[in-house]
Structures are given as structure tokens and as C-alpha cells.
């Protein structure tokens, strides 16, 4: 588990370092677009609609959560940082804001996280949410 956490931190630090080296907003927008292409490829190619609802790790959300979490978390953080306009979809923002992170000291316990819905939104609704998040990110 700790190795995975270190790996995620490394990816995040590399992304932040890359963003720091970009000179203007157009380069930053292009960087986001490349990241989104990779994310879209992952969710459309590697995961089928059936296995989006699988939860292979008990103390994690199903894959469908991450489909909305990646853009949702990014737009929430960017809007808060720049004190921009309010969220356009509070229900989905709250749903996708925080994932389930097991406690490092006691992996059988979780830190606080977003409420796990008994019924996930339709794929089309999540795709619309992703588009709106991306629009807000590019406008920031």
C-alpha cells in the first residue's frame, strides 16, 4: 500500500513540476488536454460499462467514481484556489470530491470521504459533468 502511495505522490509531484515549467496559459491548457486524452482512453478502452461498477479493492470506490473524480476534484481545487464561480453541480461535486483513502497506520480503516451513493448516476450524466468540469478548468 505504501509503495502505491509513494507512486501516486511521485506522479502528482511530476505533474506539478511540469505545470511550473509551462510558460503561459495556452501551454497549461494543452497539458490538461493531453491528460484528458489519456484519461478518456483509459475509461473508454480498458473499462467496459459493466466493470465500471466493480470494486476490486474493498476499501476503495468502484471504477465509476474515478471517472468523475479526476475532473471533479481538479475543477473544485482550481475554482477554490482562484476563488472563481460556484460549482455548477453541487450534488456531483460532493459525490466525486473525495475518494476512499485507507489510513496508512491502520489500512482496515478509512479517512473521511464523500458519501458513497447507493445508485451511481448514469454514464451520460457523468460524461456531461466531465465536459462541464473541463470547460471550467480551461476558463480559469
C-alpha atoms as a PDB file:
ATOM      1  CA  UNK A   1       0.000   0.000   0.000  1.00  0.00           C
ATOM      2  CA  UNK A   2       2.714   2.494   0.988  1.00  0.00           C
ATOM      3  CA  UNK A   3       4.510   1.825  -2.299  1.00  0.00           C
ATOM      4  CA  UNK A   4       1.316   2.789  -4.190  1.00  0.00           C
ATOM      5  CA  UNK A   5       1.015   5.988  -2.144  1.00  0.00           C
ATOM      6  CA  UNK A   6       4.636   6.908  -2.917  1.00  0.00           C
ATOM      7  CA  UNK A   7       3.965   6.198  -6.610  1.00  0.00           C
ATOM      8  CA  UNK A   8       0.905   8.470  -6.644  1.00  0.00           C
ATOM      9  CA  UNK A   9       2.827  11.223  -4.852  1.00  0.00           C
ATOM     10  CA  UNK A  10       5.601  10.938  -7.427  1.00  0.00           C
ATOM     11  CA  UNK A  11       3.122  11.293 -10.313  1.00  0.00           C
ATOM     12  CA  UNK A  12       1.490  14.303  -8.649  1.00  0.00           C
ATOM     13  CA  UNK A  13       4.860  15.957  -7.996  1.00  0.00           C
ATOM     14  CA  UNK A  14       5.971  15.363 -11.587  1.00  0.00           C
ATOM     15  CA  UNK A  15       2.737  16.875 -12.896  1.00  0.00           C
ATOM     16  CA  UNK A  16       3.113  19.923 -10.652  1.00  0.00           C
ATOM     17  CA  UNK A  17       6.730  20.302 -11.746  1.00  0.00           C
ATOM     18  CA  UNK A  18       5.607  20.136 -15.374  1.00  0.00           C
ATOM     19  CA  UNK A  19       2.920  22.762 -14.779  1.00  0.00           C
ATOM     20  CA  UNK A  20       5.521  25.021 -13.113  1.00  0.00           C
ATOM     21  CA  UNK A  21       7.685  24.897 -16.242  1.00  0.00           C
ATOM     22  CA  UNK A  22       4.884  25.864 -18.585  1.00  0.00           C
ATOM     23  CA  UNK A  23       5.143  29.498 -19.568  1.00  0.00           C
ATOM     24  CA  UNK A  24       1.619  30.508 -20.431  1.00  0.00           C
ATOM     25  CA  UNK A  25      -1.997  29.569 -20.082  1.00  0.00           C
ATOM     26  CA  UNK A  26      -2.137  28.023 -23.566  1.00  0.00           C
ATOM     27  CA  UNK A  27       0.628  25.548 -22.666  1.00  0.00           C
ATOM     28  CA  UNK A  28      -1.198  24.688 -19.445  1.00  0.00           C
ATOM     29  CA  UNK A  29      -4.449  24.130 -21.363  1.00  0.00           C
ATOM     30  CA  UNK A  30      -2.657  21.847 -23.821  1.00  0.00           C
ATOM     31  CA  UNK A  31      -1.159  19.914 -20.912  1.00  0.00           C
ATOM     32  CA  UNK A  32      -4.626  19.369 -19.418  1.00  0.00           C
ATOM     33  CA  UNK A  33      -5.974  18.276 -22.802  1.00  0.00           C
ATOM     34  CA  UNK A  34      -3.202  15.648 -23.121  1.00  0.00           C
ATOM     35  CA  UNK A  35      -4.001  14.351 -19.623  1.00  0.00           C
ATOM     36  CA  UNK A  36      -7.708  14.186 -20.512  1.00  0.00           C
ATOM     37  CA  UNK A  37      -6.955  12.219 -23.679  1.00  0.00           C
ATOM     38  CA  UNK A  38      -5.152   9.622 -21.567  1.00  0.00           C
ATOM     39  CA  UNK A  39      -7.948   9.504 -19.023  1.00  0.00           C
ATOM     40  CA  UNK A  40     -10.603   9.180 -21.738  1.00  0.00           C
ATOM     41  CA  UNK A  41      -8.625   6.400 -23.377  1.00  0.00           C
ATOM     42  CA  UNK A  42      -8.384   4.536 -20.070  1.00  0.00           C
ATOM     43  CA  UNK A  43     -12.090   4.731 -19.275  1.00  0.00           C
ATOM     44  CA  UNK A  44     -13.268   4.016 -22.826  1.00  0.00           C
ATOM     45  CA  UNK A  45     -10.749   1.324 -23.786  1.00  0.00           C
ATOM     46  CA  UNK A  46      -9.745  -0.575 -20.670  1.00  0.00           C
ATOM     47  CA  UNK A  47     -13.035  -0.498 -18.803  1.00  0.00           C
ATOM     48  CA  UNK A  48     -16.361  -1.731 -20.079  1.00  0.00           C
ATOM     49  CA  UNK A  49     -19.641  -0.283 -18.856  1.00  0.00           C
ATOM     50  CA  UNK A  50     -20.182  -3.452 -16.845  1.00  0.00           C
ATOM     51  CA  UNK A  51     -16.906  -3.368 -14.958  1.00  0.00           C
ATOM     52  CA  UNK A  52     -17.132   0.373 -14.237  1.00  0.00           C
ATOM     53  CA  UNK A  53     -19.227  -0.670 -11.241  1.00  0.00           C
ATOM     54  CA  UNK A  54     -16.717  -3.199  -9.944  1.00  0.00           C
ATOM     55  CA  UNK A  55     -14.960  -2.523  -6.684  1.00  0.00           C
ATOM     56  CA  UNK A  56     -11.854  -4.719  -6.818  1.00  0.00           C
ATOM     57  CA  UNK A  57     -10.369  -3.218  -3.645  1.00  0.00           C
ATOM     58  CA  UNK A  58     -12.792  -3.316  -0.728  1.00  0.00           C
ATOM     59  CA  UNK A  59     -11.616  -0.051   0.822  1.00  0.00           C
ATOM     60  CA  UNK A  60     -11.866   1.866  -2.458  1.00  0.00           C
ATOM     61  CA  UNK A  61     -14.691   3.146  -4.627  1.00  0.00           C
ATOM     62  CA  UNK A  62     -15.803   1.383  -7.811  1.00  0.00           C
ATOM     63  CA  UNK A  63     -14.105   2.490 -11.025  1.00  0.00           C
ATOM     64  CA  UNK A  64     -17.038   4.723 -11.959  1.00  0.00           C
ATOM     65  CA  UNK A  65     -16.144   7.017  -9.058  1.00  0.00           C
ATOM     66  CA  UNK A  66     -12.742   7.777 -10.591  1.00  0.00           C
ATOM     67  CA  UNK A  67     -14.329   8.626 -13.924  1.00  0.00           C
ATOM     68  CA  UNK A  68     -15.976  11.639 -12.251  1.00  0.00           C
ATOM     69  CA  UNK A  69     -13.374  12.175  -9.532  1.00  0.00           C
ATOM     70  CA  UNK A  70     -10.461  13.077 -11.799  1.00  0.00           C
ATOM     71  CA  UNK A  71     -12.127  16.088 -13.470  1.00  0.00           C
ATOM     72  CA  UNK A  72     -14.354  16.912 -10.499  1.00  0.00           C
ATOM     73  CA  UNK A  73     -11.538  17.130  -7.983  1.00  0.00           C
ATOM     74  CA  UNK A  74      -9.431  19.187 -10.397  1.00  0.00           C
ATOM     75  CA  UNK A  75     -12.138  21.765 -11.085  1.00  0.00           C
ATOM     76  CA  UNK A  76     -13.037  22.023  -7.387  1.00  0.00           C
ATOM     77  CA  UNK A  77      -9.410  22.687  -6.448  1.00  0.00           C
ATOM     78  CA  UNK A  78      -8.848  25.189  -9.256  1.00  0.00           C
ATOM     79  CA  UNK A  79     -12.057  27.105  -8.572  1.00  0.00           C
ATOM     80  CA  UNK A  80     -11.291  27.262  -4.846  1.00  0.00           C
ATOM     81  CA  UNK A  81      -7.716  28.363  -5.468  1.00  0.00           C
ATOM     82  CA  UNK A  82      -8.769  31.148  -7.793  1.00  0.00           C
ATOM     83  CA  UNK A  83     -11.984  31.916  -5.870  1.00  0.00           C
ATOM     84  CA  UNK A  84     -13.902  31.626  -9.111  1.00  0.00           C
ATOM     85  CA  UNK A  85     -17.559  30.925  -9.761  1.00  0.00           C
ATOM     86  CA  UNK A  86     -19.501  28.494  -7.630  1.00  0.00           C
ATOM     87  CA  UNK A  87     -19.895  24.855  -8.511  1.00  0.00           C
ATOM     88  CA  UNK A  88     -22.315  24.117 -11.334  1.00  0.00           C
ATOM     89  CA  UNK A  89     -23.408  20.744  -9.919  1.00  0.00           C
ATOM     90  CA  UNK A  90     -23.080  20.541  -6.146  1.00  0.00           C
ATOM     91  CA  UNK A  91     -24.561  17.039  -5.975  1.00  0.00           C
ATOM     92  CA  UNK A  92     -21.916  15.557  -8.285  1.00  0.00           C
ATOM     93  CA  UNK A  93     -19.144  17.738  -6.843  1.00  0.00           C
ATOM     94  CA  UNK A  94     -19.910  16.320  -3.402  1.00  0.00           C
ATOM     95  CA  UNK A  95     -20.103  12.786  -4.775  1.00  0.00           C
ATOM     96  CA  UNK A  96     -16.780  12.947  -6.623  1.00  0.00           C
ATOM     97  CA  UNK A  97     -14.825  15.302  -4.372  1.00  0.00           C
ATOM     98  CA  UNK A  98     -13.103  12.811  -2.070  1.00  0.00           C
ATOM     99  CA  UNK A  99     -12.159   9.202  -2.584  1.00  0.00           C
ATOM    100  CA  UNK A 100     -11.750   6.492  -0.009  1.00  0.00           C
ATOM    101  CA  UNK A 101      -8.221   6.517   1.372  1.00  0.00           C
ATOM    102  CA  UNK A 102      -7.268   3.793   3.821  1.00  0.00           C
ATOM    103  CA  UNK A 103      -5.421   5.018   6.895  1.00  0.00           C
ATOM    104  CA  UNK A 104      -1.663   4.453   6.495  1.00  0.00           C
ATOM    105  CA  UNK A 105      -1.293   3.343  10.117  1.00  0.00           C
ATOM    106  CA  UNK A 106      -4.365   1.096  10.046  1.00  0.00           C
ATOM    107  CA  UNK A 107      -5.334   0.062   6.477  1.00  0.00           C
ATOM    108  CA  UNK A 108      -8.515  -1.571   7.775  1.00  0.00           C
ATOM    109  CA  UNK A 109      -9.864   1.940   8.487  1.00  0.00           C
ATOM    110  CA  UNK A 110     -10.628   4.782   6.089  1.00  0.00           C
ATOM    111  CA  UNK A 111     -10.242   8.532   6.296  1.00  0.00           C
ATOM    112  CA  UNK A 112     -13.365  10.633   5.833  1.00  0.00           C
ATOM    113  CA  UNK A 113     -14.646  10.585   2.271  1.00  0.00           C
ATOM    114  CA  UNK A 114     -17.576  11.531   0.105  1.00  0.00           C
ATOM    115  CA  UNK A 115     -20.795   9.660   0.710  1.00  0.00           C
ATOM    116  CA  UNK A 116     -20.945   6.533  -1.436  1.00  0.00           C
ATOM    117  CA  UNK A 117     -24.248   6.603  -3.306  1.00  0.00           C
ATOM    118  CA  UNK A 118     -26.495   3.577  -3.305  1.00  0.00           C
ATOM    119  CA  UNK A 119     -27.081   4.235  -7.001  1.00  0.00           C
ATOM    120  CA  UNK A 120     -24.466   5.859  -9.215  1.00  0.00           C
ATOM    121  CA  UNK A 121     -25.501   8.417 -11.841  1.00  0.00           C
ATOM    122  CA  UNK A 122     -25.985   7.302 -15.438  1.00  0.00           C
ATOM    123  CA  UNK A 123     -22.812   7.261 -17.562  1.00  0.00           C
ATOM    124  CA  UNK A 124     -24.226  10.060 -19.751  1.00  0.00           C
ATOM    125  CA  UNK A 125     -24.747  12.310 -16.733  1.00  0.00           C
ATOM    126  CA  UNK A 126     -21.158  11.713 -15.609  1.00  0.00           C
ATOM    127  CA  UNK A 127     -19.889  12.410 -19.126  1.00  0.00           C
ATOM    128  CA  UNK A 128     -21.800  15.724 -19.137  1.00  0.00           C
ATOM    129  CA  UNK A 129     -20.300  16.539 -15.726  1.00  0.00           C
ATOM    130  CA  UNK A 130     -16.806  15.795 -17.069  1.00  0.00           C
ATOM    131  CA  UNK A 131     -17.376  18.153 -20.033  1.00  0.00           C
ATOM    132  CA  UNK A 132     -18.564  20.962 -17.734  1.00  0.00           C
ATOM    133  CA  UNK A 133     -15.608  20.453 -15.359  1.00  0.00           C
ATOM    134  CA  UNK A 134     -13.193  20.683 -18.272  1.00  0.00           C
ATOM    135  CA  UNK A 135     -14.838  23.860 -19.563  1.00  0.00           C
ATOM    136  CA  UNK A 136     -14.485  25.489 -16.131  1.00  0.00           C
ATOM    137  CA  UNK A 137     -10.839  24.391 -15.867  1.00  0.00           C
ATOM    138  CA  UNK A 138      -9.993  25.829 -19.286  1.00  0.00           C
ATOM    139  CA  UNK A 139     -11.751  29.114 -18.432  1.00  0.00           C
ATOM    140  CA  UNK A 140      -9.772  29.503 -15.181  1.00  0.00           C
END
